Protein backbone atom coordinates (compact mmCIF):
# COMPACT_ATOMS: atom_id res chain seq x y z
CA MET A 1 -22.40 2.99 14.73
CA ASN A 2 -23.74 4.36 11.45
CA LYS A 3 -25.29 1.50 9.48
CA ASN A 4 -24.62 3.28 6.19
CA ILE A 5 -20.86 2.78 6.23
CA GLN A 6 -19.94 1.32 2.86
CA ILE A 7 -16.92 0.44 0.77
CA LYS A 8 -16.45 3.03 -1.97
CA LYS A 9 -13.13 1.92 -3.49
CA LEU A 10 -11.01 -1.24 -3.44
CA TYR A 11 -7.35 -1.47 -4.46
CA TYR A 12 -4.35 -3.77 -4.38
CA SER A 13 -0.76 -3.08 -5.34
CA PRO A 14 1.29 -6.07 -6.56
CA VAL A 15 4.52 -4.02 -6.51
CA LYS A 16 5.24 -2.02 -3.37
CA SER A 17 5.41 1.74 -4.15
CA PHE A 18 4.14 1.32 -7.71
CA ASN A 19 0.62 2.07 -8.88
CA PHE A 20 -2.25 0.10 -7.46
CA ILE A 21 -5.02 -1.71 -9.30
CA GLU A 22 -8.63 -0.77 -8.69
CA ASP A 23 -11.14 -3.60 -8.57
CA ASP A 24 -14.75 -4.26 -7.61
CA ARG A 25 -13.72 -7.08 -5.26
CA LEU A 26 -10.74 -8.24 -3.23
CA ASN A 27 -9.84 -11.75 -2.11
CA ILE A 28 -8.92 -11.68 1.57
CA LEU A 29 -6.64 -14.42 2.89
CA GLU A 30 -6.84 -15.20 6.59
CA GLY A 31 -3.69 -14.11 8.36
CA ARG A 32 -2.12 -12.81 5.15
CA GLY A 33 -4.11 -9.90 3.75
CA VAL A 34 -5.24 -8.99 0.25
CA GLU A 35 -4.35 -11.60 -2.33
CA ASN A 36 -1.46 -10.42 -4.56
CA ASP A 37 -0.95 -7.22 -2.57
CA ARG A 38 2.70 -6.06 -2.19
CA ILE A 39 4.07 -9.41 -3.28
CA PHE A 40 6.88 -7.67 -5.20
CA ALA A 41 9.28 -5.00 -3.94
CA PHE A 42 12.60 -3.33 -4.65
CA VAL A 43 15.38 -3.42 -2.08
CA ARG A 44 18.45 -1.16 -2.08
CA ASN A 45 21.93 -1.03 -0.58
CA LYS A 46 22.29 -4.79 -0.22
CA ASN A 47 24.40 -7.43 -1.91
CA GLN A 48 22.69 -10.36 -3.61
CA ASP A 49 22.98 -12.68 -0.63
CA ASP A 50 21.43 -10.15 1.75
CA ALA A 51 18.73 -9.27 -0.78
CA GLU A 52 17.70 -12.93 -1.03
CA LYS A 53 17.55 -13.15 2.77
CA PHE A 54 15.42 -10.00 2.83
CA GLN A 55 13.10 -11.60 0.29
CA ASN A 56 12.71 -14.90 2.11
CA LYS A 57 12.95 -14.00 5.81
CA GLN A 58 10.32 -11.56 6.98
CA TYR A 59 12.01 -10.93 10.33
CA LEU A 60 15.13 -9.59 8.55
CA ARG A 61 13.24 -6.79 6.77
CA ASN A 62 13.27 -3.09 7.56
CA ASN A 63 11.52 -0.18 5.88
CA GLN A 64 14.74 1.76 5.30
CA SER A 65 15.97 -0.87 2.82
CA TYR A 66 13.05 -0.56 0.42
CA LEU A 67 13.40 1.45 -2.74
CA SER A 68 10.19 3.44 -2.39
CA VAL A 69 8.43 6.65 -3.32
CA LYS A 70 9.62 8.42 -0.18
CA ASN A 71 13.30 7.97 -1.10
CA THR A 72 12.94 7.61 -4.89
CA PRO A 73 9.99 9.68 -6.20
CA LEU A 74 10.77 8.71 -9.82
CA LEU A 75 9.01 5.41 -9.08
CA ASN A 76 5.79 7.35 -9.58
CA ASN A 77 6.65 7.38 -13.32
CA TYR A 78 6.13 3.62 -13.46
CA ARG A 79 3.06 1.45 -13.48
CA ILE A 80 2.32 -2.25 -13.61
CA LEU A 81 -0.24 -4.68 -14.89
CA PHE A 82 -0.54 -8.02 -13.14
CA LYS A 83 -2.83 -10.69 -14.47
CA LYS A 84 -2.74 -14.48 -14.49
CA ASN A 85 0.72 -14.47 -12.87
CA GLU A 86 2.21 -12.24 -15.56
CA LEU A 87 3.79 -8.94 -14.52
CA LYS A 88 4.22 -6.10 -17.02
CA ILE A 89 6.24 -2.99 -16.12
CA PHE A 90 5.63 0.30 -17.94
CA LYS A 91 7.31 3.68 -17.80
CA GLU A 92 4.36 5.94 -18.45
CA THR A 93 2.88 4.25 -21.56
CA LYS A 94 6.00 2.38 -22.75
CA GLU A 95 6.21 -1.29 -21.85
CA LEU A 96 9.67 -2.12 -20.51
CA VAL A 97 9.54 -5.76 -19.54
CA THR A 98 7.19 -8.71 -19.03
CA ILE A 99 7.98 -11.56 -16.65
CA ASN A 100 6.04 -14.64 -15.61
CA ASP A 101 8.88 -16.62 -14.04
CA PHE A 102 9.52 -15.16 -10.61
CA ASN A 103 12.78 -16.86 -9.67
CA PHE A 104 15.32 -14.48 -8.17
CA LEU A 105 17.61 -14.10 -11.18
CA ASN A 106 14.78 -13.63 -13.65
CA LEU A 107 13.29 -10.91 -11.46
CA GLN A 108 16.42 -8.83 -11.96
CA LYS A 109 15.40 -8.20 -15.57
CA VAL A 110 13.08 -5.60 -14.10
CA VAL A 111 15.99 -3.83 -12.40
CA SER A 112 18.03 -3.86 -15.61
CA GLN A 113 15.23 -2.21 -17.57
CA ILE A 114 14.61 0.48 -14.98
CA LYS A 115 18.31 1.29 -14.71
CA LYS A 116 18.42 1.78 -18.48
CA ASN A 117 15.78 4.45 -18.09
CA GLU A 118 17.03 6.18 -14.94
CA ASN A 119 20.56 7.60 -14.82
CA GLU A 120 20.40 8.24 -11.09
CA LEU A 121 19.88 4.52 -10.44
CA LYS A 122 22.51 3.09 -12.78
CA ASP A 123 25.21 2.75 -10.14
CA LYS A 124 22.88 1.79 -7.28
CA GLU A 125 22.74 -1.70 -5.83
CA ILE A 126 19.08 -2.65 -6.33
CA TYR A 127 17.24 -5.96 -6.44
CA PHE A 128 13.67 -6.87 -7.31
CA LEU A 129 12.04 -9.34 -4.93
CA TYR A 130 9.02 -11.63 -4.79
CA ASN A 131 7.33 -13.40 -1.91
CA LEU A 132 3.75 -14.59 -2.24
CA LYS A 133 3.32 -15.92 1.29
CA THR A 134 4.92 -13.07 3.23
CA PRO A 135 4.36 -9.84 1.26
CA PHE A 136 6.33 -6.64 1.72
CA PHE A 137 4.16 -4.58 4.04
CA ASP A 138 5.16 -1.48 6.00
CA MET A 139 4.32 -3.28 9.23
CA ILE A 140 7.42 -5.43 8.87
CA ASN A 141 6.37 -8.49 10.86
CA ASP A 142 2.62 -8.20 10.40
CA ASN A 143 0.50 -8.81 7.32
CA VAL A 144 -2.06 -6.04 7.18
CA VAL A 145 -4.81 -4.47 5.09
CA SER A 146 -5.06 -0.68 5.03
CA LEU A 147 -8.28 1.33 5.28
CA ILE A 148 -9.06 5.04 5.01
CA ASN A 149 -12.27 6.98 5.58
CA LEU A 150 -13.45 9.57 3.05
CA SER A 151 -15.20 11.54 5.80
CA SER A 152 -11.81 12.01 7.45
CA LEU A 153 -10.31 13.15 4.16
CA ARG A 154 -13.06 15.73 3.66
CA ASP A 155 -12.49 17.00 7.22
CA PHE A 156 -8.74 17.23 6.60
CA GLU A 157 -9.32 19.12 3.33
CA ALA A 158 -11.70 21.56 5.01
CA LYS A 159 -9.33 22.28 7.90
CA SER A 160 -6.19 22.49 5.75
CA GLY A 161 -7.73 24.40 2.85
CA LEU A 162 -6.16 21.89 0.45
CA LYS A 163 -7.44 19.45 -2.13
CA ILE A 164 -5.90 16.07 -1.30
CA ASP A 165 -6.23 12.99 -3.48
CA HIS A 166 -7.20 9.85 -1.57
CA GLU A 167 -4.94 7.73 -3.77
CA ARG A 168 -1.73 9.04 -2.19
CA PHE A 169 -2.59 7.08 0.96
CA ARG A 170 -2.44 3.81 -1.04
CA ALA A 171 -5.23 2.19 0.96
CA ASN A 172 -6.72 -1.18 0.09
CA ILE A 173 -10.18 -0.24 1.35
CA VAL A 174 -11.78 3.20 1.09
CA ILE A 175 -15.00 3.66 3.08
CA ASP A 176 -17.56 6.43 3.56
CA GLY A 177 -20.32 7.02 6.07
CA LEU A 178 -18.24 6.88 9.27
CA PRO A 179 -17.81 10.27 11.03
CA ALA A 180 -14.48 11.96 10.50
CA MET A 181 -11.55 10.37 12.34
CA LYS A 182 -13.78 7.88 14.18
CA GLU A 183 -11.80 5.03 12.61
CA LEU A 184 -8.87 6.06 14.82
CA GLU A 185 -10.93 5.05 17.86
CA LEU A 186 -11.37 1.44 16.72
CA ALA A 187 -7.95 0.07 17.68
CA LYS A 188 -8.16 -3.43 19.22
CA LYS A 189 -11.78 -3.83 18.13
CA LYS A 190 -13.12 -6.18 15.50
CA ILE A 191 -14.98 -5.05 12.41
CA ARG A 192 -16.88 -6.89 9.73
CA VAL A 193 -16.34 -5.78 6.15
CA GLY A 194 -18.89 -7.57 4.02
CA SER A 195 -18.55 -11.17 5.19
CA VAL A 196 -14.92 -10.89 6.38
CA VAL A 197 -13.92 -10.21 9.98
CA PHE A 198 -10.86 -8.09 10.75
CA ASP A 199 -9.00 -7.11 13.88
CA VAL A 200 -8.25 -3.37 13.92
CA PHE A 201 -4.53 -3.73 14.50
CA CYS A 202 -3.44 -0.11 14.87
CA ASN A 203 -3.70 3.39 13.42
CA THR A 204 -1.58 4.25 10.37
CA PRO A 205 1.14 6.86 10.99
CA ARG A 206 1.90 8.72 7.77
CA CYS A 207 5.37 9.12 6.29
CA ARG A 208 6.75 11.49 3.66
CA ALA A 209 5.62 9.21 0.81
CA THR A 210 2.22 10.92 1.21
CA ASN A 211 3.83 14.27 0.40
CA PHE A 212 3.52 13.33 -3.27
CA PRO A 213 0.21 13.12 -5.13
CA TYR A 214 -0.47 9.69 -6.54
CA ARG A 215 1.70 8.98 -9.62
CA SER A 216 3.48 12.33 -9.31
CA LYS A 217 7.09 13.01 -8.33
CA VAL A 218 6.36 16.67 -7.51
CA LEU A 219 6.04 17.25 -3.77
CA ASP A 220 3.05 19.46 -3.00
CA ILE A 221 2.55 19.27 0.79
CA ASN A 222 4.30 18.10 3.94
CA LEU A 223 1.34 15.92 4.79
CA PRO A 224 2.49 14.42 8.13
CA GLN A 225 3.37 17.91 9.34
CA ARG A 226 -0.03 19.28 8.33
CA LEU A 227 -1.81 16.37 10.02
CA ASN A 228 0.11 17.09 13.20
CA GLN A 229 -0.68 20.80 13.04
CA ILE A 230 -4.42 20.12 12.73
CA TYR A 231 -4.96 16.95 14.80
CA ASP A 232 -1.86 16.73 17.04
CA HIS A 233 -0.91 13.38 15.48
CA ILE A 234 0.23 12.03 12.11
CA ASP A 235 -2.25 9.14 11.89
CA PHE A 236 -4.57 8.79 8.93
CA GLY A 237 -6.40 5.51 8.42
CA ILE A 238 -6.05 2.16 10.12
CA TYR A 239 -4.37 -1.20 9.60
CA LEU A 240 -6.51 -4.34 9.73
CA LYS A 241 -5.56 -7.99 10.19
CA PRO A 242 -7.92 -10.53 8.59
CA LEU A 243 -9.29 -13.07 11.05
CA THR A 244 -11.33 -14.89 8.39
CA ALA A 245 -11.04 -15.41 4.64
CA GLY A 246 -13.45 -14.40 1.91
CA GLN A 247 -14.24 -11.80 -0.70
CA ILE A 248 -15.21 -8.18 -0.11
CA PHE A 249 -17.05 -6.11 -2.71
CA LEU A 250 -17.80 -2.51 -3.59
CA ASN A 251 -20.72 -1.19 -1.52
CA ASP A 252 -20.34 -3.91 1.12
CA ARG A 253 -21.33 -2.72 4.59
CA VAL A 254 -18.87 -2.14 7.41
CA SER A 255 -19.81 -2.70 11.05
CA VAL A 256 -18.07 -2.84 14.45
CA LEU A 257 -18.60 -6.20 16.16
CA ASN A 258 -17.77 -5.18 19.73
CA ASP A 259 -19.04 -1.60 19.68
């Protein structure tokens, strides 16, 4: 395997389907994932009792219940800052609310502020949730870290004739130096990223959330369809499960342990 595979970008996203935060390092928690990643989320079409169960019981979750970019593109108008256990929500550049007490009722201040700004959400049943120990990942019952390969993106751009921003894939780890689409052959293997060991859990099937450029609510491509046309599948990137804890840094090396 190419010894020049390196981390080029690192991200985490405290609020599922909101903007992510770029950093030069990530704290990896064994069995959990990236520290502070997807620890907040919006849920829809539930009463308060069911929303609290969704928040606290991982096995009761389903992807259809999330308020997310794929069903509510206006979420791309919002961004967050999260530092020292203080969450700030902005619509574009306007600060809407700051919270540092994450009990269930206090979290709903976020919903109230967003409903004030979005007419289409005013009559919707929406709750804002928090769970530090079992974050709100797409793999409902598995805590995962997502990785994409810039070589694969360049190959996809060349074959589709499109310019595609890597941010729309919302990956935690962005690497370069691995041949295009070779990451999709690593399932069930173990890789080392810096000093942290991961199990390659599975490939990442792409949904319609990737049809929107990052932080845009204007659809510009049916990305899963185009992937399928070119590669005969809709996978792009892989999900990892951390087997050890530690920090990973920009420019850390990536290697396959059982290649």
